[in-house]
């Protein structure tokens, strides 16, 4: 089935309305009746400002990179992006066409 892979980039400590942003995104996706999403924490990374974030003893305070990922229809992806825009949430993201299926019959 043809779909869109949508991935948002954030850090683990980012918040929106007192809630962790990755939790807010998943809850918003659920409200929009999207089929599901996942959150992944990276071991290390750097963004547009060039600051390296890594999982070390000194890296405390919610700065590890995170990704929130979805496989959606184009229309569903657009609805989620509109919801983030409506809340004035600025996040880098990527979106590209994918094909998915289920193995085992």
C-alpha atoms as a PDB file:
ATOM      1  CA  UNK A   1       0.000   0.000   0.000  1.00  0.00           C
ATOM      2  CA  UNK A   2       1.344   3.458  -0.863  1.00  0.00           C
ATOM      3  CA  UNK A   3       1.680   5.863   2.048  1.00  0.00           C
ATOM      4  CA  UNK A   4       3.753   8.669   3.528  1.00  0.00           C
ATOM      5  CA  UNK A   5       6.510   8.235   6.105  1.00  0.00           C
ATOM      6  CA  UNK A   6       6.413  11.290   8.380  1.00  0.00           C
ATOM      7  CA  UNK A   7       9.155  11.904  10.946  1.00  0.00           C
ATOM      8  CA  UNK A   8       9.474  14.821  13.374  1.00  0.00           C
ATOM      9  CA  UNK A   9      12.770  15.734  15.100  1.00  0.00           C
ATOM     10  CA  UNK A  10      12.781  17.082  18.662  1.00  0.00           C
ATOM     11  CA  UNK A  11      14.557  16.685  21.979  1.00  0.00           C
ATOM     12  CA  UNK A  12      13.263  14.649  24.889  1.00  0.00           C
ATOM     13  CA  UNK A  13      12.718  17.667  27.144  1.00  0.00           C
ATOM     14  CA  UNK A  14      10.683  19.814  24.727  1.00  0.00           C
ATOM     15  CA  UNK A  15       7.250  20.679  26.059  1.00  0.00           C
ATOM     16  CA  UNK A  16       3.976  22.045  24.759  1.00  0.00           C
ATOM     17  CA  UNK A  17       1.355  23.295  27.220  1.00  0.00           C
ATOM     18  CA  UNK A  18       3.223  21.677  30.160  1.00  0.00           C
ATOM     19  CA  UNK A  19       3.264  18.263  28.449  1.00  0.00           C
ATOM     20  CA  UNK A  20       6.240  16.508  26.897  1.00  0.00           C
ATOM     21  CA  UNK A  21       6.012  17.349  23.213  1.00  0.00           C
ATOM     22  CA  UNK A  22       6.399  13.786  21.974  1.00  0.00           C
ATOM     23  CA  UNK A  23       3.486  12.753  24.226  1.00  0.00           C
ATOM     24  CA  UNK A  24       1.415  15.690  22.965  1.00  0.00           C
ATOM     25  CA  UNK A  25       2.091  14.682  19.332  1.00  0.00           C
ATOM     26  CA  UNK A  26       1.046  11.075  19.964  1.00  0.00           C
ATOM     27  CA  UNK A  27      -2.100  12.191  21.807  1.00  0.00           C
ATOM     28  CA  UNK A  28      -2.966  14.610  19.003  1.00  0.00           C
ATOM     29  CA  UNK A  29      -2.443  11.832  16.432  1.00  0.00           C
ATOM     30  CA  UNK A  30      -4.801   9.623  18.431  1.00  0.00           C
ATOM     31  CA  UNK A  31      -7.435  12.412  18.525  1.00  0.00           C
ATOM     32  CA  UNK A  32      -7.105  12.652  14.733  1.00  0.00           C
ATOM     33  CA  UNK A  33      -7.777   8.890  14.512  1.00  0.00           C
ATOM     34  CA  UNK A  34      -4.393   8.204  12.938  1.00  0.00           C
ATOM     35  CA  UNK A  35      -3.401   4.524  12.806  1.00  0.00           C
ATOM     36  CA  UNK A  36      -0.407   4.816  15.152  1.00  0.00           C
ATOM     37  CA  UNK A  37       3.001   6.338  15.745  1.00  0.00           C
ATOM     38  CA  UNK A  38       6.261   5.614  17.542  1.00  0.00           C
ATOM     39  CA  UNK A  39       8.850   7.610  19.461  1.00  0.00           C
ATOM     40  CA  UNK A  40      12.558   6.790  19.363  1.00  0.00           C
ATOM     41  CA  UNK A  41      15.378   8.272  21.430  1.00  0.00           C
ATOM     42  CA  UNK A  42      18.748   8.633  19.751  1.00  0.00           C
ATOM     43  CA  UNK A  43      22.084   7.833  21.380  1.00  0.00           C
ATOM     44  CA  UNK A  44      23.617  11.008  19.944  1.00  0.00           C
ATOM     45  CA  UNK A  45      23.003  13.677  17.340  1.00  0.00           C
ATOM     46  CA  UNK A  46      23.309  17.315  16.427  1.00  0.00           C
ATOM     47  CA  UNK A  47      20.935  19.714  14.738  1.00  0.00           C
ATOM     48  CA  UNK A  48      20.968  22.959  12.808  1.00  0.00           C
ATOM     49  CA  UNK A  49      22.751  24.783  15.645  1.00  0.00           C
ATOM     50  CA  UNK A  50      25.632  22.287  15.640  1.00  0.00           C
ATOM     51  CA  UNK A  51      25.407  21.418  19.359  1.00  0.00           C
ATOM     52  CA  UNK A  52      26.184  17.721  19.943  1.00  0.00           C
ATOM     53  CA  UNK A  53      23.751  15.911  22.227  1.00  0.00           C
ATOM     54  CA  UNK A  54      24.821  12.511  23.495  1.00  0.00           C
ATOM     55  CA  UNK A  55      23.841   9.924  26.078  1.00  0.00           C
ATOM     56  CA  UNK A  56      26.655  10.463  28.573  1.00  0.00           C
ATOM     57  CA  UNK A  57      26.886  11.118  32.282  1.00  0.00           C
ATOM     58  CA  UNK A  58      27.126  14.868  31.651  1.00  0.00           C
ATOM     59  CA  UNK A  59      24.183  15.015  29.232  1.00  0.00           C
ATOM     60  CA  UNK A  60      21.353  15.493  31.696  1.00  0.00           C
ATOM     61  CA  UNK A  61      18.357  17.749  31.328  1.00  0.00           C
ATOM     62  CA  UNK A  62      16.292  16.325  28.495  1.00  0.00           C
ATOM     63  CA  UNK A  63      18.453  17.221  25.520  1.00  0.00           C
ATOM     64  CA  UNK A  64      18.786  13.825  23.807  1.00  0.00           C
ATOM     65  CA  UNK A  65      17.463  13.809  20.236  1.00  0.00           C
ATOM     66  CA  UNK A  66      14.125  12.095  19.627  1.00  0.00           C
ATOM     67  CA  UNK A  67      12.100  11.159  16.573  1.00  0.00           C
ATOM     68  CA  UNK A  68       8.339  10.756  16.348  1.00  0.00           C
ATOM     69  CA  UNK A  69       7.440   8.619  13.342  1.00  0.00           C
ATOM     70  CA  UNK A  70       4.265   7.732  11.462  1.00  0.00           C
ATOM     71  CA  UNK A  71       3.247   5.846   8.329  1.00  0.00           C
ATOM     72  CA  UNK A  72       0.111   7.588   7.075  1.00  0.00           C
ATOM     73  CA  UNK A  73      -1.915   8.478   4.045  1.00  0.00           C
ATOM     74  CA  UNK A  74      -1.028  11.847   2.513  1.00  0.00           C
ATOM     75  CA  UNK A  75      -4.282  13.279   3.872  1.00  0.00           C
ATOM     76  CA  UNK A  76      -3.595  12.008   7.402  1.00  0.00           C
ATOM     77  CA  UNK A  77      -0.048  13.418   7.331  1.00  0.00           C
ATOM     78  CA  UNK A  78      -1.388  16.805   6.229  1.00  0.00           C
ATOM     79  CA  UNK A  79      -3.949  16.810   9.069  1.00  0.00           C
ATOM     80  CA  UNK A  80      -1.207  16.187  11.636  1.00  0.00           C
ATOM     81  CA  UNK A  81       1.041  18.903  10.188  1.00  0.00           C
ATOM     82  CA  UNK A  82      -1.903  21.346  10.215  1.00  0.00           C
ATOM     83  CA  UNK A  83      -2.560  20.493  13.880  1.00  0.00           C
ATOM     84  CA  UNK A  84       1.071  21.294  14.757  1.00  0.00           C
ATOM     85  CA  UNK A  85       0.917  24.531  12.747  1.00  0.00           C
ATOM     86  CA  UNK A  86      -2.323  25.542  14.476  1.00  0.00           C
ATOM     87  CA  UNK A  87      -0.542  25.182  17.829  1.00  0.00           C
ATOM     88  CA  UNK A  88       2.426  27.249  16.540  1.00  0.00           C
ATOM     89  CA  UNK A  89       4.772  24.300  17.155  1.00  0.00           C
ATOM     90  CA  UNK A  90       7.967  24.643  15.114  1.00  0.00           C
ATOM     91  CA  UNK A  91       9.599  21.291  14.402  1.00  0.00           C
ATOM     92  CA  UNK A  92      11.802  20.033  11.603  1.00  0.00           C
ATOM     93  CA  UNK A  93      10.292  17.062   9.793  1.00  0.00           C
ATOM     94  CA  UNK A  94      10.721  14.846   6.754  1.00  0.00           C
ATOM     95  CA  UNK A  95       8.020  13.251   4.679  1.00  0.00           C
ATOM     96  CA  UNK A  96       8.461  10.866   1.795  1.00  0.00           C
ATOM     97  CA  UNK A  97       6.495   8.233  -0.110  1.00  0.00           C
ATOM     98  CA  UNK A  98       6.764   4.661   1.136  1.00  0.00           C
ATOM     99  CA  UNK A  99       5.140   1.358   0.447  1.00  0.00           C
ATOM    100  CA  UNK A 100       4.167  -0.929   3.314  1.00  0.00           C
ATOM    101  CA  UNK A 101       2.537  -4.256   3.907  1.00  0.00           C
ATOM    102  CA  UNK A 102       2.236  -7.103   6.379  1.00  0.00           C
ATOM    103  CA  UNK A 103       4.095 -10.397   6.076  1.00  0.00           C
ATOM    104  CA  UNK A 104       2.718 -13.801   6.876  1.00  0.00           C
ATOM    105  CA  UNK A 105      -0.244 -14.137   4.613  1.00  0.00           C
END
